[in-house]
Amino acid sequence: MIRSELIAKISEENPHLFQRDVEKIVNTIFDEVTEALANGDRVELRGFGAFSVKKRDARVGRNPRTGEAVEVEEKHVPFFKTGKLLRDRLNGQED
């Protein structure tokens, strides 16, 4: 599902809301999650999962085409851990 499909689905299920308002809400949520992660914070959505940032240390990698050693710099990457309710639902264990 892409952002526009999410907006359309929410608008469809909430006919009392204008689509432009739903779009603002969805964009605000994504912006706030992004901002929190950029600040090094963790974002938890109960029953869904938690977003956090993991640090990957600098290392020596290999160019797959040439096999040549390449220095890979330290970087921070987003990480998502599913919540118990989501994990159970995906595995067909709905309550």
C-alpha atoms as a PDB file:
ATOM      1  CA  MET A   1       0.000   0.000   0.000  1.00  0.00           C
ATOM      2  CA  ILE A   2       1.319   3.415  -0.901  1.00  0.00           C
ATOM      3  CA  ARG A   3       0.541   6.738   0.758  1.00  0.00           C
ATOM      4  CA  SER A   4      -2.159   7.737  -1.756  1.00  0.00           C
ATOM      5  CA  GLU A   5      -3.906   4.368  -1.303  1.00  0.00           C
ATOM      6  CA  LEU A   6      -3.830   4.820   2.477  1.00  0.00           C
ATOM      7  CA  ILE A   7      -5.351   8.293   2.143  1.00  0.00           C
ATOM      8  CA  ALA A   8      -8.044   6.983  -0.220  1.00  0.00           C
ATOM      9  CA  LYS A   9      -8.883   4.084   2.134  1.00  0.00           C
ATOM     10  CA  ILE A  10      -9.180   6.345   5.193  1.00  0.00           C
ATOM     11  CA  SER A  11     -11.293   8.846   3.211  1.00  0.00           C
ATOM     12  CA  GLU A  12     -13.554   6.042   2.010  1.00  0.00           C
ATOM     13  CA  GLU A  13     -14.065   4.718   5.551  1.00  0.00           C
ATOM     14  CA  ASN A  14     -14.659   8.222   6.954  1.00  0.00           C
ATOM     15  CA  PRO A  15     -16.999  10.009   4.534  1.00  0.00           C
ATOM     16  CA  HIS A  16     -17.489  12.866   7.033  1.00  0.00           C
ATOM     17  CA  LEU A  17     -13.842  13.916   6.460  1.00  0.00           C
ATOM     18  CA  PHE A  18     -12.613  15.765   3.398  1.00  0.00           C
ATOM     19  CA  GLN A  19      -9.873  13.956   1.473  1.00  0.00           C
ATOM     20  CA  ARG A  20      -7.577  16.993   1.766  1.00  0.00           C
ATOM     21  CA  ASP A  21      -7.954  16.846   5.572  1.00  0.00           C
ATOM     22  CA  VAL A  22      -7.159  13.132   5.639  1.00  0.00           C
ATOM     23  CA  GLU A  23      -4.096  13.842   3.476  1.00  0.00           C
ATOM     24  CA  LYS A  24      -2.923  16.500   5.978  1.00  0.00           C
ATOM     25  CA  ILE A  25      -3.409  14.078   8.872  1.00  0.00           C
ATOM     26  CA  VAL A  26      -1.489  11.242   7.189  1.00  0.00           C
ATOM     27  CA  ASN A  27       1.330  13.576   6.118  1.00  0.00           C
ATOM     28  CA  THR A  28       1.557  15.041   9.629  1.00  0.00           C
ATOM     29  CA  ILE A  29       1.833  11.573  11.175  1.00  0.00           C
ATOM     30  CA  PHE A  30       4.596  10.544   8.768  1.00  0.00           C
ATOM     31  CA  ASP A  31       6.409  13.859   9.267  1.00  0.00           C
ATOM     32  CA  GLU A  32       6.289  13.495  13.064  1.00  0.00           C
ATOM     33  CA  VAL A  33       7.572   9.905  12.938  1.00  0.00           C
ATOM     34  CA  THR A  34      10.373  10.987  10.598  1.00  0.00           C
ATOM     35  CA  GLU A  35      11.281  13.954  12.807  1.00  0.00           C
ATOM     36  CA  ALA A  36      11.325  11.818  15.952  1.00  0.00           C
ATOM     37  CA  LEU A  37      13.622   9.258  14.302  1.00  0.00           C
ATOM     38  CA  ALA A  38      15.886  12.043  13.009  1.00  0.00           C
ATOM     39  CA  ASN A  39      16.189  13.251  16.620  1.00  0.00           C
ATOM     40  CA  GLY A  40      17.169   9.744  17.737  1.00  0.00           C
ATOM     41  CA  ASP A  41      13.854   9.056  19.472  1.00  0.00           C
ATOM     42  CA  ARG A  42      11.830   5.850  19.341  1.00  0.00           C
ATOM     43  CA  VAL A  43       8.230   5.828  18.076  1.00  0.00           C
ATOM     44  CA  GLU A  44       5.891   3.160  19.413  1.00  0.00           C
ATOM     45  CA  LEU A  45       2.421   2.470  18.038  1.00  0.00           C
ATOM     46  CA  ARG A  46       0.797   0.047  20.486  1.00  0.00           C
ATOM     47  CA  GLY A  47      -0.377  -3.157  18.840  1.00  0.00           C
ATOM     48  CA  PHE A  48       1.413  -2.272  15.607  1.00  0.00           C
ATOM     49  CA  GLY A  49       5.105  -1.917  16.343  1.00  0.00           C
ATOM     50  CA  ALA A  50       7.986   0.366  17.151  1.00  0.00           C
ATOM     51  CA  PHE A  51      10.276   2.420  14.938  1.00  0.00           C
ATOM     52  CA  SER A  52      13.818   3.149  16.070  1.00  0.00           C
ATOM     53  CA  VAL A  53      17.203   4.046  14.638  1.00  0.00           C
ATOM     54  CA  LYS A  54      20.108   1.605  14.643  1.00  0.00           C
ATOM     55  CA  LYS A  55      23.722   2.575  14.165  1.00  0.00           C
ATOM     56  CA  ARG A  56      25.795   0.571  11.719  1.00  0.00           C
ATOM     57  CA  ASP A  57      29.512   0.831  12.359  1.00  0.00           C
ATOM     58  CA  ALA A  58      32.035   1.629   9.662  1.00  0.00           C
ATOM     59  CA  ARG A  59      33.375  -1.488   7.990  1.00  0.00           C
ATOM     60  CA  VAL A  60      35.279  -2.792   5.010  1.00  0.00           C
ATOM     61  CA  GLY A  61      32.949  -4.062   2.298  1.00  0.00           C
ATOM     62  CA  ARG A  62      33.510  -5.545  -1.133  1.00  0.00           C
ATOM     63  CA  ASN A  63      32.540  -4.228  -4.530  1.00  0.00           C
ATOM     64  CA  PRO A  64      30.509  -7.175  -5.889  1.00  0.00           C
ATOM     65  CA  ARG A  65      31.541  -6.440  -9.463  1.00  0.00           C
ATOM     66  CA  THR A  66      35.308  -6.237  -8.946  1.00  0.00           C
ATOM     67  CA  GLY A  67      35.822  -7.866  -5.549  1.00  0.00           C
ATOM     68  CA  GLU A  68      37.814  -4.781  -4.513  1.00  0.00           C
ATOM     69  CA  ALA A  69      37.749  -3.795  -0.814  1.00  0.00           C
ATOM     70  CA  VAL A  70      35.726  -0.633  -0.157  1.00  0.00           C
ATOM     71  CA  GLU A  71      35.449   1.459   3.019  1.00  0.00           C
ATOM     72  CA  VAL A  72      31.811   1.766   4.114  1.00  0.00           C
ATOM     73  CA  GLU A  73      31.157   4.705   6.445  1.00  0.00           C
ATOM     74  CA  GLU A  74      29.209   4.539   9.698  1.00  0.00           C
ATOM     75  CA  LYS A  75      25.511   5.163   9.141  1.00  0.00           C
ATOM     76  CA  HIS A  76      22.188   5.238  10.925  1.00  0.00           C
ATOM     77  CA  VAL A  77      19.295   3.211   9.521  1.00  0.00           C
ATOM     78  CA  PRO A  78      15.603   3.029  10.449  1.00  0.00           C
ATOM     79  CA  PHE A  79      14.472  -0.183  12.121  1.00  0.00           C
ATOM     80  CA  PHE A  80      10.935  -1.509  12.673  1.00  0.00           C
ATOM     81  CA  LYS A  81       9.984  -4.157  15.201  1.00  0.00           C
ATOM     82  CA  THR A  82       6.455  -5.538  14.951  1.00  0.00           C
ATOM     83  CA  GLY A  83       4.169  -5.477  17.941  1.00  0.00           C
ATOM     84  CA  LYS A  84       2.669  -8.648  19.390  1.00  0.00           C
ATOM     85  CA  LEU A  85      -0.848  -7.992  18.039  1.00  0.00           C
ATOM     86  CA  LEU A  86       0.418  -7.428  14.494  1.00  0.00           C
ATOM     87  CA  ARG A  87       2.712 -10.447  14.633  1.00  0.00           C
ATOM     88  CA  ASP A  88      -0.111 -12.670  15.928  1.00  0.00           C
ATOM     89  CA  ARG A  89      -2.493 -11.422  13.244  1.00  0.00           C
ATOM     90  CA  LEU A  90       0.034 -12.064  10.475  1.00  0.00           C
ATOM     91  CA  ASN A  91       0.481 -15.597  11.772  1.00  0.00           C
ATOM     92  CA  GLY A  92      -3.263 -16.282  11.839  1.00  0.00           C
ATOM     93  CA  GLN A  93      -3.615 -16.167  15.598  1.00  0.00           C
ATOM     94  CA  GLU A  94      -6.344 -13.540  15.839  1.00  0.00           C
ATOM     95  CA  ASP A  95      -8.139 -13.232  19.155  1.00  0.00           C
END
